[in-house]
Amino acid sequence: MTKQHILAVVKKHLMQTIDGLTEAQIDPSKSMKDLGANSLDIVEIVSVSMRELKVKVPRSELSKLTNIGGLVDLLFQVATQPPTKPA
């Protein structure tokens, strides 16, 4: 899985959730709020992106994010780390 693939998934869900948003308007340095998303939109976008990518990110980690690039980096980090073995 690549960062480009993760960014494509996030962009797809952004465009499906935010009316009138085009791919050209999505800049990874912007926050979802900058693009017109409200807090419910953001939860939806992150949830469906994680579901599609089959990754789970703790809410505490998500709350630290400031932009779309940070979300992509975090999803990439979680998706590519080896699974932890149960104790």
PDB file of N, CA and C in Angstrom:
ATOM      1  N   MET A   1       0.848  -1.195   0.000  1.00  0.00           N
ATOM      2  CA  MET A   1       0.000   0.000   0.000  1.00  0.00           C
ATOM      3  C   MET A   1       0.887   1.249   0.000  1.00  0.00           C
ATOM      4  N   THR A   2       0.554   2.200  -0.864  1.00  0.00           N
ATOM      5  CA  THR A   2       1.355   3.419  -0.990  1.00  0.00           C
ATOM      6  C   THR A   2       0.587   4.626  -0.444  1.00  0.00           C
ATOM      7  N   LYS A   3       1.338   5.694  -0.181  1.00  0.00           N
ATOM      8  CA  LYS A   3       0.688   6.933   0.263  1.00  0.00           C
ATOM      9  C   LYS A   3      -0.228   7.474  -0.830  1.00  0.00           C
ATOM     10  N   GLN A   4       0.168   7.273  -2.103  1.00  0.00           N
ATOM     11  CA  GLN A   4      -0.671   7.743  -3.206  1.00  0.00           C
ATOM     12  C   GLN A   4      -2.023   7.027  -3.189  1.00  0.00           C
ATOM     13  N   HIS A   5      -2.000   5.716  -2.923  1.00  0.00           N
ATOM     14  CA  HIS A   5      -3.247   4.942  -2.867  1.00  0.00           C
ATOM     15  C   HIS A   5      -4.123   5.455  -1.718  1.00  0.00           C
ATOM     16  N   ILE A   6      -3.513   5.671  -0.560  1.00  0.00           N
ATOM     17  CA  ILE A   6      -4.266   6.155   0.607  1.00  0.00           C
ATOM     18  C   ILE A   6      -4.842   7.542   0.322  1.00  0.00           C
ATOM     19  N   LEU A   7      -4.045   8.421  -0.278  1.00  0.00           N
ATOM     20  CA  LEU A   7      -4.527   9.759  -0.616  1.00  0.00           C
ATOM     21  C   LEU A   7      -5.697   9.663  -1.595  1.00  0.00           C
ATOM     22  N   ALA A   8      -5.623   8.749  -2.563  1.00  0.00           N
ATOM     23  CA  ALA A   8      -6.715   8.580  -3.533  1.00  0.00           C
ATOM     24  C   ALA A   8      -8.003   8.146  -2.830  1.00  0.00           C
ATOM     25  N   VAL A   9      -7.880   7.249  -1.848  1.00  0.00           N
ATOM     26  CA  VAL A   9      -9.054   6.788  -1.090  1.00  0.00           C
ATOM     27  C   VAL A   9      -9.650   7.954  -0.299  1.00  0.00           C
ATOM     28  N   VAL A  10      -8.803   8.708   0.395  1.00  0.00           N
ATOM     29  CA  VAL A  10      -9.281   9.848   1.187  1.00  0.00           C
ATOM     30  C   VAL A  10      -9.936  10.888   0.275  1.00  0.00           C
ATOM     31  N   LYS A  11      -9.301  11.184  -0.871  1.00  0.00           N
ATOM     32  CA  LYS A  11      -9.873  12.157  -1.821  1.00  0.00           C
ATOM     33  C   LYS A  11     -11.245  11.700  -2.299  1.00  0.00           C
ATOM     34  N   LYS A  12     -11.362  10.409  -2.623  1.00  0.00           N
ATOM     35  CA  LYS A  12     -12.641   9.881  -3.114  1.00  0.00           C
ATOM     36  C   LYS A  12     -13.742  10.116  -2.086  1.00  0.00           C
ATOM     37  N   HIS A  13     -13.456   9.819  -0.826  1.00  0.00           N
ATOM     38  CA  HIS A  13     -14.469   9.981   0.219  1.00  0.00           C
ATOM     39  C   HIS A  13     -14.740  11.462   0.520  1.00  0.00           C
ATOM     40  N   LEU A  14     -13.720  12.304   0.391  1.00  0.00           N
ATOM     41  CA  LEU A  14     -13.933  13.746   0.540  1.00  0.00           C
ATOM     42  C   LEU A  14     -14.921  14.241  -0.517  1.00  0.00           C
ATOM     43  N   MET A  15     -14.696  13.826  -1.755  1.00  0.00           N
ATOM     44  CA  MET A  15     -15.553  14.299  -2.848  1.00  0.00           C
ATOM     45  C   MET A  15     -16.972  13.736  -2.740  1.00  0.00           C
ATOM     46  N   GLN A  16     -17.101  12.526  -2.200  1.00  0.00           N
ATOM     47  CA  GLN A  16     -18.434  11.946  -2.027  1.00  0.00           C
ATOM     48  C   GLN A  16     -19.196  12.625  -0.893  1.00  0.00           C
ATOM     49  N   THR A  17     -18.479  13.141   0.094  1.00  0.00           N
ATOM     50  CA  THR A  17     -19.110  13.698   1.288  1.00  0.00           C
ATOM     51  C   THR A  17     -19.372  15.199   1.177  1.00  0.00           C
ATOM     52  N   ILE A  18     -18.450  15.929   0.568  1.00  0.00           N
ATOM     53  CA  ILE A  18     -18.569  17.386   0.498  1.00  0.00           C
ATOM     54  C   ILE A  18     -19.112  17.772  -0.877  1.00  0.00           C
ATOM     55  N   ASP A  19     -20.309  18.360  -0.884  1.00  0.00           N
ATOM     56  CA  ASP A  19     -20.955  18.749  -2.140  1.00  0.00           C
ATOM     57  C   ASP A  19     -20.101  19.745  -2.921  1.00  0.00           C
ATOM     58  N   GLY A  20     -19.939  19.479  -4.206  1.00  0.00           N
ATOM     59  CA  GLY A  20     -19.274  20.429  -5.092  1.00  0.00           C
ATOM     60  C   GLY A  20     -17.766  20.433  -5.029  1.00  0.00           C
ATOM     61  N   LEU A  21     -17.169  19.571  -4.226  1.00  0.00           N
ATOM     62  CA  LEU A  21     -15.707  19.537  -4.105  1.00  0.00           C
ATOM     63  C   LEU A  21     -15.120  18.764  -5.282  1.00  0.00           C
ATOM     64  N   THR A  22     -14.074  19.324  -5.900  1.00  0.00           N
ATOM     65  CA  THR A  22     -13.400  18.630  -6.999  1.00  0.00           C
ATOM     66  C   THR A  22     -12.021  18.176  -6.534  1.00  0.00           C
ATOM     67  N   GLU A  23     -11.479  17.188  -7.229  1.00  0.00           N
ATOM     68  CA  GLU A  23     -10.164  16.659  -6.856  1.00  0.00           C
ATOM     69  C   GLU A  23      -9.100  17.750  -6.899  1.00  0.00           C
ATOM     70  N   ALA A  24      -9.231  18.668  -7.849  1.00  0.00           N
ATOM     71  CA  ALA A  24      -8.245  19.752  -7.989  1.00  0.00           C
ATOM     72  C   ALA A  24      -8.209  20.660  -6.766  1.00  0.00           C
ATOM     73  N   GLN A  25      -9.316  20.754  -6.027  1.00  0.00           N
ATOM     74  CA  GLN A  25      -9.371  21.616  -4.845  1.00  0.00           C
ATOM     75  C   GLN A  25      -8.725  20.970  -3.613  1.00  0.00           C
ATOM     76  N   ILE A  26      -8.476  19.661  -3.667  1.00  0.00           N
ATOM     77  CA  ILE A  26      -7.981  18.956  -2.489  1.00  0.00           C
ATOM     78  C   ILE A  26      -6.462  19.069  -2.419  1.00  0.00           C
ATOM     79  N   ASP A  27      -6.015  19.810  -1.425  1.00  0.00           N
ATOM     80  CA  ASP A  27      -4.589  20.021  -1.175  1.00  0.00           C
ATOM     81  C   ASP A  27      -4.260  19.347   0.155  1.00  0.00           C
ATOM     82  N   PRO A  28      -3.310  18.397   0.152  1.00  0.00           N
ATOM     83  CA  PRO A  28      -2.992  17.683   1.400  1.00  0.00           C
ATOM     84  C   PRO A  28      -2.561  18.582   2.557  1.00  0.00           C
ATOM     85  N   SER A  29      -2.127  19.824   2.249  1.00  0.00           N
ATOM     86  CA  SER A  29      -1.718  20.722   3.333  1.00  0.00           C
ATOM     87  C   SER A  29      -2.912  21.421   3.984  1.00  0.00           C
ATOM     88  N   LYS A  30      -4.110  21.268   3.393  1.00  0.00           N
ATOM     89  CA  LYS A  30      -5.310  21.887   3.957  1.00  0.00           C
ATOM     90  C   LYS A  30      -6.013  20.922   4.906  1.00  0.00           C
ATOM     91  N   SER A  31      -6.782  21.496   5.812  1.00  0.00           N
ATOM     92  CA  SER A  31      -7.602  20.652   6.682  1.00  0.00           C
ATOM     93  C   SER A  31      -8.924  20.377   5.975  1.00  0.00           C
ATOM     94  N   MET A  32      -9.644  19.366   6.455  1.00  0.00           N
ATOM     95  CA  MET A  32     -10.948  19.067   5.869  1.00  0.00           C
ATOM     96  C   MET A  32     -11.915  20.227   6.104  1.00  0.00           C
ATOM     97  N   LYS A  33     -11.756  20.926   7.228  1.00  0.00           N
ATOM     98  CA  LYS A  33     -12.601  22.102   7.501  1.00  0.00           C
ATOM     99  C   LYS A  33     -12.360  23.189   6.457  1.00  0.00           C
ATOM    100  N   ASP A  34     -11.086  23.353   6.041  1.00  0.00           N
ATOM    101  CA  ASP A  34     -10.764  24.330   4.995  1.00  0.00           C
ATOM    102  C   ASP A  34     -11.534  24.028   3.712  1.00  0.00           C
ATOM    103  N   LEU A  35     -11.815  22.742   3.482  1.00  0.00           N
ATOM    104  CA  LEU A  35     -12.506  22.320   2.255  1.00  0.00           C
ATOM    105  C   LEU A  35     -14.028  22.328   2.416  1.00  0.00           C
ATOM    106  N   GLY A  36     -14.507  22.710   3.604  1.00  0.00           N
ATOM    107  CA  GLY A  36     -15.948  22.825   3.803  1.00  0.00           C
ATOM    108  C   GLY A  36     -16.583  21.698   4.591  1.00  0.00           C
ATOM    109  N   ALA A  37     -15.766  20.804   5.156  1.00  0.00           N
ATOM    110  CA  ALA A  37     -16.315  19.691   5.932  1.00  0.00           C
ATOM    111  C   ALA A  37     -16.658  20.140   7.348  1.00  0.00           C
ATOM    112  N   ASN A  38     -17.804  19.672   7.864  1.00  0.00           N
ATOM    113  CA  ASN A  38     -18.108  19.918   9.272  1.00  0.00           C
ATOM    114  C   ASN A  38     -17.617  18.706  10.081  1.00  0.00           C
ATOM    115  N   SER A  39     -17.774  18.742  11.379  1.00  0.00           N
ATOM    116  CA  SER A  39     -17.214  17.667  12.205  1.00  0.00           C
ATOM    117  C   SER A  39     -17.830  16.303  11.880  1.00  0.00           C
ATOM    118  N   LEU A  40     -19.122  16.268  11.555  1.00  0.00           N
ATOM    119  CA  LEU A  40     -19.745  14.994  11.181  1.00  0.00           C
ATOM    120  C   LEU A  40     -19.193  14.476   9.860  1.00  0.00           C
ATOM    121  N   ASP A  41     -18.964  15.383   8.911  1.00  0.00           N
ATOM    122  CA  ASP A  41     -18.365  15.000   7.632  1.00  0.00           C
ATOM    123  C   ASP A  41     -16.990  14.378   7.856  1.00  0.00           C
ATOM    124  N   ILE A  42     -16.208  15.004   8.729  1.00  0.00           N
ATOM    125  CA  ILE A  42     -14.843  14.536   8.985  1.00  0.00           C
ATOM    126  C   ILE A  42     -14.870  13.128   9.574  1.00  0.00           C
ATOM    127  N   VAL A  43     -15.754  12.899  10.540  1.00  0.00           N
ATOM    128  CA  VAL A  43     -15.878  11.562  11.142  1.00  0.00           C
ATOM    129  C   VAL A  43     -16.241  10.544  10.056  1.00  0.00           C
ATOM    130  N   GLU A  44     -17.184  10.906   9.199  1.00  0.00           N
ATOM    131  CA  GLU A  44     -17.621  10.015   8.115  1.00  0.00           C
ATOM    132  C   GLU A  44     -16.474   9.708   7.156  1.00  0.00           C
ATOM    133  N   ILE A  45     -15.761  10.741   6.724  1.00  0.00           N
ATOM    134  CA  ILE A  45     -14.663  10.572   5.767  1.00  0.00           C
ATOM    135  C   ILE A  45     -13.577   9.676   6.351  1.00  0.00           C
ATOM    136  N   VAL A  46     -13.184   9.942   7.597  1.00  0.00           N
ATOM    137  CA  VAL A  46     -12.138   9.144   8.241  1.00  0.00           C
ATOM    138  C   VAL A  46     -12.610   7.704   8.441  1.00  0.00           C
ATOM    139  N   SER A  47     -13.858   7.534   8.879  1.00  0.00           N
ATOM    140  CA  SER A  47     -14.389   6.185   9.136  1.00  0.00           C
ATOM    141  C   SER A  47     -14.430   5.340   7.864  1.00  0.00           C
ATOM    142  N   VAL A  48     -14.990   5.892   6.792  1.00  0.00           N
ATOM    143  CA  VAL A  48     -15.099   5.095   5.564  1.00  0.00           C
ATOM    144  C   VAL A  48     -13.728   4.872   4.925  1.00  0.00           C
ATOM    145  N   SER A  49     -12.825   5.816   5.078  1.00  0.00           N
ATOM    146  CA  SER A  49     -11.466   5.629   4.557  1.00  0.00           C
ATOM    147  C   SER A  49     -10.763   4.497   5.306  1.00  0.00           C
ATOM    148  N   MET A  50     -10.893   4.495   6.641  1.00  0.00           N
ATOM    149  CA  MET A  50     -10.270   3.423   7.435  1.00  0.00           C
ATOM    150  C   MET A  50     -10.885   2.074   7.083  1.00  0.00           C
ATOM    151  N   ARG A  51     -12.213   2.050   6.910  1.00  0.00           N
ATOM    152  CA  ARG A  51     -12.892   0.800   6.574  1.00  0.00           C
ATOM    153  C   ARG A  51     -12.398   0.266   5.229  1.00  0.00           C
ATOM    154  N   GLU A  52     -12.306   1.147   4.241  1.00  0.00           N
ATOM    155  CA  GLU A  52     -11.861   0.723   2.913  1.00  0.00           C
ATOM    156  C   GLU A  52     -10.416   0.230   2.942  1.00  0.00           C
ATOM    157  N   LEU A  53      -9.579   0.902   3.729  1.00  0.00           N
ATOM    158  CA  LEU A  53      -8.160   0.529   3.813  1.00  0.00           C
ATOM    159  C   LEU A  53      -7.902  -0.608   4.802  1.00  0.00           C
ATOM    160  N   LYS A  54      -8.956  -0.990   5.537  1.00  0.00           N
ATOM    161  CA  LYS A  54      -8.873  -2.056   6.545  1.00  0.00           C
ATOM    162  C   LYS A  54      -7.811  -1.748   7.608  1.00  0.00           C
ATOM    163  N   VAL A  55      -7.857  -0.505   8.115  1.00  0.00           N
ATOM    164  CA  VAL A  55      -6.974  -0.091   9.209  1.00  0.00           C
ATOM    165  C   VAL A  55      -7.803   0.523  10.321  1.00  0.00           C
ATOM    166  N   LYS A  56      -7.249   0.498  11.521  1.00  0.00           N
ATOM    167  CA  LYS A  56      -7.920   1.090  12.683  1.00  0.00           C
ATOM    168  C   LYS A  56      -6.927   2.030  13.349  1.00  0.00           C
ATOM    169  N   VAL A  57      -7.347   3.276  13.542  1.00  0.00           N
ATOM    170  CA  VAL A  57      -6.485   4.277  14.168  1.00  0.00           C
ATOM    171  C   VAL A  57      -7.167   4.749  15.446  1.00  0.00           C
ATOM    172  N   PRO A  58      -6.441   4.769  16.562  1.00  0.00           N
ATOM    173  CA  PRO A  58      -7.039   5.258  17.808  1.00  0.00           C
ATOM    174  C   PRO A  58      -7.513   6.706  17.675  1.00  0.00           C
ATOM    175  N   ARG A  59      -8.667   6.990  18.266  1.00  0.00           N
ATOM    176  CA  ARG A  59      -9.236   8.339  18.200  1.00  0.00           C
ATOM    177  C   ARG A  59      -8.260   9.382  18.738  1.00  0.00           C
ATOM    178  N   SER A  60      -7.479   9.010  19.764  1.00  0.00           N
ATOM    179  CA  SER A  60      -6.520   9.962  20.344  1.00  0.00           C
ATOM    180  C   SER A  60      -5.481  10.404  19.312  1.00  0.00           C
ATOM    181  N   GLU A  61      -5.109   9.490  18.401  1.00  0.00           N
ATOM    182  CA  GLU A  61      -4.158   9.844  17.339  1.00  0.00           C
ATOM    183  C   GLU A  61      -4.823  10.760  16.316  1.00  0.00           C
ATOM    184  N   LEU A  62      -6.071  10.474  15.984  1.00  0.00           N
ATOM    185  CA  LEU A  62      -6.795  11.276  14.993  1.00  0.00           C
ATOM    186  C   LEU A  62      -6.986  12.714  15.455  1.00  0.00           C
ATOM    187  N   SER A  63      -7.166  12.905  16.752  1.00  0.00           N
ATOM    188  CA  SER A  63      -7.426  14.256  17.266  1.00  0.00           C
ATOM    189  C   SER A  63      -6.207  15.171  17.133  1.00  0.00           C
ATOM    190  N   LYS A  64      -5.024  14.601  16.923  1.00  0.00           N
ATOM    191  CA  LYS A  64      -3.799  15.403  16.796  1.00  0.00           C
ATOM    192  C   LYS A  64      -3.585  15.924  15.377  1.00  0.00           C
ATOM    193  N   LEU A  65      -4.347  15.409  14.427  1.00  0.00           N
ATOM    194  CA  LEU A  65      -4.124  15.753  13.026  1.00  0.00           C
ATOM    195  C   LEU A  65      -4.582  17.171  12.722  1.00  0.00           C
ATOM    196  N   THR A  66      -3.838  17.832  11.815  1.00  0.00           N
ATOM    197  CA  THR A  66      -4.195  19.198  11.449  1.00  0.00           C
ATOM    198  C   THR A  66      -4.542  19.337   9.970  1.00  0.00           C
ATOM    199  N   ASN A  67      -4.164  18.338   9.154  1.00  0.00           N
ATOM    200  CA  ASN A  67      -4.468  18.452   7.723  1.00  0.00           C
ATOM    201  C   ASN A  67      -4.601  17.070   7.082  1.00  0.00           C
ATOM    202  N   ILE A  68      -4.976  17.068   5.808  1.00  0.00           N
ATOM    203  CA  ILE A  68      -5.222  15.829   5.075  1.00  0.00           C
ATOM    204  C   ILE A  68      -3.927  15.027   4.917  1.00  0.00           C
ATOM    205  N   GLY A  69      -2.825  15.716   4.686  1.00  0.00           N
ATOM    206  CA  GLY A  69      -1.531  15.042   4.568  1.00  0.00           C
ATOM    207  C   GLY A  69      -1.192  14.276   5.841  1.00  0.00           C
ATOM    208  N   GLY A  70      -1.501  14.861   6.990  1.00  0.00           N
ATOM    209  CA  GLY A  70      -1.256  14.193   8.267  1.00  0.00           C
ATOM    210  C   GLY A  70      -2.097  12.936   8.403  1.00  0.00           C
ATOM    211  N   LEU A  71      -3.337  13.001   7.943  1.00  0.00           N
ATOM    212  CA  LEU A  71      -4.212  11.831   7.972  1.00  0.00           C
ATOM    213  C   LEU A  71      -3.645  10.735   7.077  1.00  0.00           C
ATOM    214  N   VAL A  72      -3.214  11.099   5.869  1.00  0.00           N
ATOM    215  CA  VAL A  72      -2.638  10.119   4.938  1.00  0.00           C
ATOM    216  C   VAL A  72      -1.389   9.483   5.552  1.00  0.00           C
ATOM    217  N   ASP A  73      -0.516  10.302   6.144  1.00  0.00           N
ATOM    218  CA  ASP A  73       0.700   9.778   6.790  1.00  0.00           C
ATOM    219  C   ASP A  73       0.352   8.795   7.902  1.00  0.00           C
ATOM    220  N   LEU A  74      -0.624   9.159   8.723  1.00  0.00           N
ATOM    221  CA  LEU A  74      -1.022   8.308   9.850  1.00  0.00           C
ATOM    222  C   LEU A  74      -1.622   6.996   9.349  1.00  0.00           C
ATOM    223  N   LEU A  75      -2.513   7.064   8.365  1.00  0.00           N
ATOM    224  CA  LEU A  75      -3.104   5.840   7.812  1.00  0.00           C
ATOM    225  C   LEU A  75      -2.032   4.960   7.175  1.00  0.00           C
ATOM    226  N   PHE A  76      -1.070   5.579   6.496  1.00  0.00           N
ATOM    227  CA  PHE A  76       0.026   4.831   5.873  1.00  0.00           C
ATOM    228  C   PHE A  76       0.873   4.133   6.942  1.00  0.00           C
ATOM    229  N   GLN A  77       1.176   4.865   7.993  1.00  0.00           N
ATOM    230  CA  GLN A  77       1.984   4.320   9.095  1.00  0.00           C
ATOM    231  C   GLN A  77       1.285   3.102   9.708  1.00  0.00           C
ATOM    232  N   VAL A  78      -0.003   3.222   9.971  1.00  0.00           N
ATOM    233  CA  VAL A  78      -0.765   2.125  10.576  1.00  0.00           C
ATOM    234  C   VAL A  78      -0.895   0.957   9.599  1.00  0.00           C
ATOM    235  N   ALA A  79      -1.123   1.252   8.325  1.00  0.00           N
ATOM    236  CA  ALA A  79      -1.329   0.202   7.318  1.00  0.00           C
ATOM    237  C   ALA A  79      -0.057  -0.594   7.051  1.00  0.00           C
ATOM    238  N   THR A  80       1.100   0.026   7.211  1.00  0.00           N
ATOM    239  CA  THR A  80       2.348  -0.649   6.859  1.00  0.00           C
ATOM    240  C   THR A  80       3.111  -1.212   8.050  1.00  0.00           C
ATOM    241  N   GLN A  81       2.646  -0.943   9.264  1.00  0.00           N
ATOM    242  CA  GLN A  81       3.356  -1.512  10.402  1.00  0.00           C
ATOM    243  C   GLN A  81       2.943  -2.975  10.588  1.00  0.00           C
ATOM    244  N   PRO A  82       3.891  -3.809  11.024  1.00  0.00           N
ATOM    245  CA  PRO A  82       3.537  -5.212  11.214  1.00  0.00           C
ATOM    246  C   PRO A  82       2.497  -5.361  12.323  1.00  0.00           C
ATOM    247  N   PRO A  83       1.581  -6.319  12.173  1.00  0.00           N
ATOM    248  CA  PRO A  83       0.567  -6.498  13.213  1.00  0.00           C
ATOM    249  C   PRO A  83       1.209  -6.866  14.544  1.00  0.00           C
ATOM    250  N   THR A  84       0.655  -6.329  15.616  1.00  0.00           N
ATOM    251  CA  THR A  84       1.174  -6.661  16.938  1.00  0.00           C
ATOM    252  C   THR A  84       0.584  -7.994  17.376  1.00  0.00           C
ATOM    253  N   LYS A  85       1.421  -8.779  18.014  1.00  0.00           N
ATOM    254  CA  LYS A  85       0.957 -10.086  18.482  1.00  0.00           C
ATOM    255  C   LYS A  85       0.285  -9.928  19.833  1.00  0.00           C
ATOM    256  N   PRO A  86      -0.841 -10.589  20.036  1.00  0.00           N
ATOM    257  CA  PRO A  86      -1.490 -10.495  21.351  1.00  0.00           C
ATOM    258  C   PRO A  86      -0.595 -11.097  22.438  1.00  0.00           C
ATOM    259  N   ALA A  87      -0.628 -10.509  23.606  1.00  0.00           N
ATOM    260  CA  ALA A  87       0.229 -10.973  24.710  1.00  0.00           C
ATOM    261  C   ALA A  87      -0.273 -12.290  25.263  1.00  0.00           C
TER     262      ALA A  87
END
